[in-house]
C-alpha atoms as a PDB file:
ATOM      1  CA  MET A   1     224.648  23.707 160.928  1.00  0.00           C
ATOM      2  CA  VAL A   2     228.112  22.512 159.896  1.00  0.00           C
ATOM      3  CA  MET A   3     229.840  20.032 162.156  1.00  0.00           C
ATOM      4  CA  THR A   4     233.633  19.932 162.174  1.00  0.00           C
ATOM      5  CA  THR A   5     236.313  18.126 164.094  1.00  0.00           C
ATOM      6  CA  GLN A   6     238.826  20.914 163.419  1.00  0.00           C
ATOM      7  CA  PRO A   7     239.529  23.526 166.071  1.00  0.00           C
ATOM      8  CA  LEU A   8     237.478  26.670 165.574  1.00  0.00           C
ATOM      9  CA  GLY A   9     240.500  28.695 164.398  1.00  0.00           C
ATOM     10  CA  LYS A  10     241.348  26.222 161.645  1.00  0.00           C
ATOM     11  CA  ALA A  11     237.720  25.914 160.572  1.00  0.00           C
ATOM     12  CA  LEU A  12     237.425  29.716 160.400  1.00  0.00           C
ATOM     13  CA  LYS A  13     240.624  30.007 158.366  1.00  0.00           C
ATOM     14  CA  SER A  14     239.442  27.253 156.027  1.00  0.00           C
ATOM     15  CA  TYR A  15     236.123  29.044 155.552  1.00  0.00           C
ATOM     16  CA  LEU A  16     237.859  32.367 154.925  1.00  0.00           C
ATOM     17  CA  LEU A  17     240.128  30.741 152.357  1.00  0.00           C
ATOM     18  CA  LYS A  18     237.075  29.528 150.439  1.00  0.00           C
ATOM     19  CA  ILE A  19     235.304  32.872 150.462  1.00  0.00           C
ATOM     20  CA  THR A  20     238.439  34.747 149.353  1.00  0.00           C
ATOM     21  CA  GLN A  21     238.313  32.768 146.158  1.00  0.00           C
ATOM     22  CA  ILE A  22     234.794  34.059 145.573  1.00  0.00           C
ATOM     23  CA  LEU A  23     234.987  37.613 146.907  1.00  0.00           C
ATOM     24  CA  SER A  24     237.341  40.467 146.142  1.00  0.00           C
ATOM     25  CA  LYS A  25     240.417  41.202 148.247  1.00  0.00           C
ATOM     26  CA  ARG A  26     239.050  44.405 149.842  1.00  0.00           C
ATOM     27  CA  LYS A  27     236.179  44.563 152.297  1.00  0.00           C
ATOM     28  CA  VAL A  28     234.487  47.268 154.341  1.00  0.00           C
ATOM     29  CA  LEU A  29     232.996  45.901 157.539  1.00  0.00           C
ATOM     30  CA  SER A  30     230.936  47.401 160.318  1.00  0.00           C
ATOM     31  CA  TYR A  31     233.000  48.221 163.378  1.00  0.00           C
ATOM     32  CA  ILE A  32     232.306  45.993 166.361  1.00  0.00           C
ATOM     33  CA  ALA A  33     234.167  46.929 169.530  1.00  0.00           C
ATOM     34  CA  GLY A  34     236.633  44.233 170.593  1.00  0.00           C
ATOM     35  CA  LEU A  35     236.394  42.217 167.361  1.00  0.00           C
ATOM     36  CA  ARG A  36     238.085  44.532 164.883  1.00  0.00           C
ATOM     37  CA  GLU A  37     241.633  43.461 165.704  1.00  0.00           C
ATOM     38  CA  SER A  38     240.813  39.737 165.574  1.00  0.00           C
ATOM     39  CA  ILE A  39     238.981  40.019 162.266  1.00  0.00           C
ATOM     40  CA  GLN A  40     241.731  42.157 160.795  1.00  0.00           C
ATOM     41  CA  ARG A  41     244.440  39.699 161.904  1.00  0.00           C
ATOM     42  CA  VAL A  42     242.680  36.691 160.350  1.00  0.00           C
ATOM     43  CA  CYS A  43     241.919  38.574 157.142  1.00  0.00           C
ATOM     44  CA  ARG A  44     245.537  39.710 156.877  1.00  0.00           C
ATOM     45  CA  ASP A  45     246.602  36.034 156.795  1.00  0.00           C
ATOM     46  CA  PHE A  46     244.572  35.672 153.593  1.00  0.00           C
ATOM     47  CA  ASP A  47     245.718  38.960 152.059  1.00  0.00           C
ATOM     48  CA  ILE A  48     242.295  40.584 152.509  1.00  0.00           C
ATOM     49  CA  LYS A  49     242.501  44.322 153.090  1.00  0.00           C
ATOM     50  CA  THR A  50     239.881  45.442 155.563  1.00  0.00           C
ATOM     51  CA  ALA A  51     238.415  48.801 156.453  1.00  0.00           C
ATOM     52  CA  PHE A  52     235.946  49.406 159.237  1.00  0.00           C
ATOM     53  CA  LYS A  53     233.186  51.971 159.377  1.00  0.00           C
ATOM     54  CA  SER A  54     231.120  52.969 162.335  1.00  0.00           C
ATOM     55  CA  GLY A  55     227.377  52.616 162.231  1.00  0.00           C
ATOM     56  CA  LYS A  56     224.967  55.453 162.641  1.00  0.00           C
ATOM     57  CA  THR A  57     224.682  56.633 166.205  1.00  0.00           C
ATOM     58  CA  LEU A  58     221.511  57.787 167.885  1.00  0.00           C
ATOM     59  CA  ARG A  59     222.856  61.322 167.796  1.00  0.00           C
ATOM     60  CA  SER A  60     223.505  61.241 164.045  1.00  0.00           C
ATOM     61  CA  ARG A  61     220.023  59.848 163.415  1.00  0.00           C
ATOM     62  CA  LEU A  62     218.267  62.521 165.479  1.00  0.00           C
ATOM     63  CA  THR A  63     220.157  65.667 164.493  1.00  0.00           C
ATOM     64  CA  LYS A  64     220.192  67.506 161.209  1.00  0.00           C
ATOM     65  CA  VAL A  65     222.903  70.077 160.735  1.00  0.00           C
ATOM     66  CA  LYS A  66     221.338  71.781 157.736  1.00  0.00           C
ATOM     67  CA  ASP A  67     217.780  72.772 156.941  1.00  0.00           C
ATOM     68  CA  THR A  68     216.276  71.175 153.877  1.00  0.00           C
ATOM     69  CA  ILE A  69     215.998  73.466 150.862  1.00  0.00           C
ATOM     70  CA  PRO A  70     212.718  73.456 148.917  1.00  0.00           C
ATOM     71  CA  ILE A  71     213.226  71.817 145.520  1.00  0.00           C
ATOM     72  CA  THR A  72     211.811  74.871 143.744  1.00  0.00           C
ATOM     73  CA  THR A  73     214.672  77.085 144.976  1.00  0.00           C
ATOM     74  CA  GLU A  74     217.432  74.736 143.818  1.00  0.00           C
ATOM     75  CA  SER A  75     219.439  75.503 140.687  1.00  0.00           C
ATOM     76  CA  SER A  76     221.524  73.465 138.225  1.00  0.00           C
ATOM     77  CA  ILE A  77     219.098  70.539 138.126  1.00  0.00           C
ATOM     78  CA  VAL A  78     217.412  68.133 135.729  1.00  0.00           C
ATOM     79  CA  TYR A  79     213.615  68.203 135.901  1.00  0.00           C
ATOM     80  CA  SER A  80     210.558  66.648 134.282  1.00  0.00           C
ATOM     81  CA  ILE A  81     207.177  68.270 133.696  1.00  0.00           C
ATOM     82  CA  PRO A  82     204.155  66.188 132.666  1.00  0.00           C
ATOM     83  CA  CYS A  83     202.181  67.856 129.839  1.00  0.00           C
ATOM     84  CA  SER A  84     198.393  67.846 129.456  1.00  0.00           C
ATOM     85  CA  CYS A  85     198.768  65.853 126.214  1.00  0.00           C
ATOM     86  CA  GLY A  86     200.205  62.904 128.161  1.00  0.00           C
ATOM     87  CA  LYS A  87     203.836  63.417 127.240  1.00  0.00           C
ATOM     88  CA  VAL A  88     206.608  64.358 129.663  1.00  0.00           C
ATOM     89  CA  TYR A  89     209.086  67.187 129.110  1.00  0.00           C
ATOM     90  CA  ILE A  90     212.555  66.577 130.552  1.00  0.00           C
ATOM     91  CA  GLY A  91     214.874  69.552 130.816  1.00  0.00           C
ATOM     92  CA  GLU A  92     218.014  70.855 132.436  1.00  0.00           C
ATOM     93  CA  THR A  93     218.576  74.337 133.804  1.00  0.00           C
ATOM     94  CA  THR A  94     221.208  76.260 135.695  1.00  0.00           C
ATOM     95  CA  ARG A  95     218.575  78.703 136.948  1.00  0.00           C
ATOM     96  CA  ARG A  96     216.201  78.182 139.857  1.00  0.00           C
ATOM     97  CA  LEU A  97     213.484  75.624 139.153  1.00  0.00           C
ATOM     98  CA  GLU A  98     210.607  77.929 140.159  1.00  0.00           C
ATOM     99  CA  GLN A  99     211.688  80.473 137.539  1.00  0.00           C
ATOM    100  CA  ARG A 100     211.970  77.805 134.821  1.00  0.00           C
ATOM    101  CA  VAL A 101     208.552  76.287 135.636  1.00  0.00           C
ATOM    102  CA  LYS A 102     206.906  79.722 135.313  1.00  0.00           C
ATOM    103  CA  GLU A 103     208.196  79.893 131.738  1.00  0.00           C
ATOM    104  CA  HIS A 104     206.394  76.685 130.700  1.00  0.00           C
END
């Protein structure tokens, strides 16, 4: 724990000044309701460009818009097939994987 006699605002600005020397000038932060404007204002004082992204919601975690496609029906892929001799064959095809595997 760091003890300081400075007001919290000055201590925060001092800390931000130190980390700007270490970090880049652009940051993406998680959106926190009610804090975005304050964080953005302080960062602007130190010429740090900020962007905020929202976290995953319960709805986005529980729903899937698209069905998953079996890997064997995909095309234009890179694949590897282990051989009985112990070596591995790595290939690339624009055709469906199931068709290419049948040819081996």
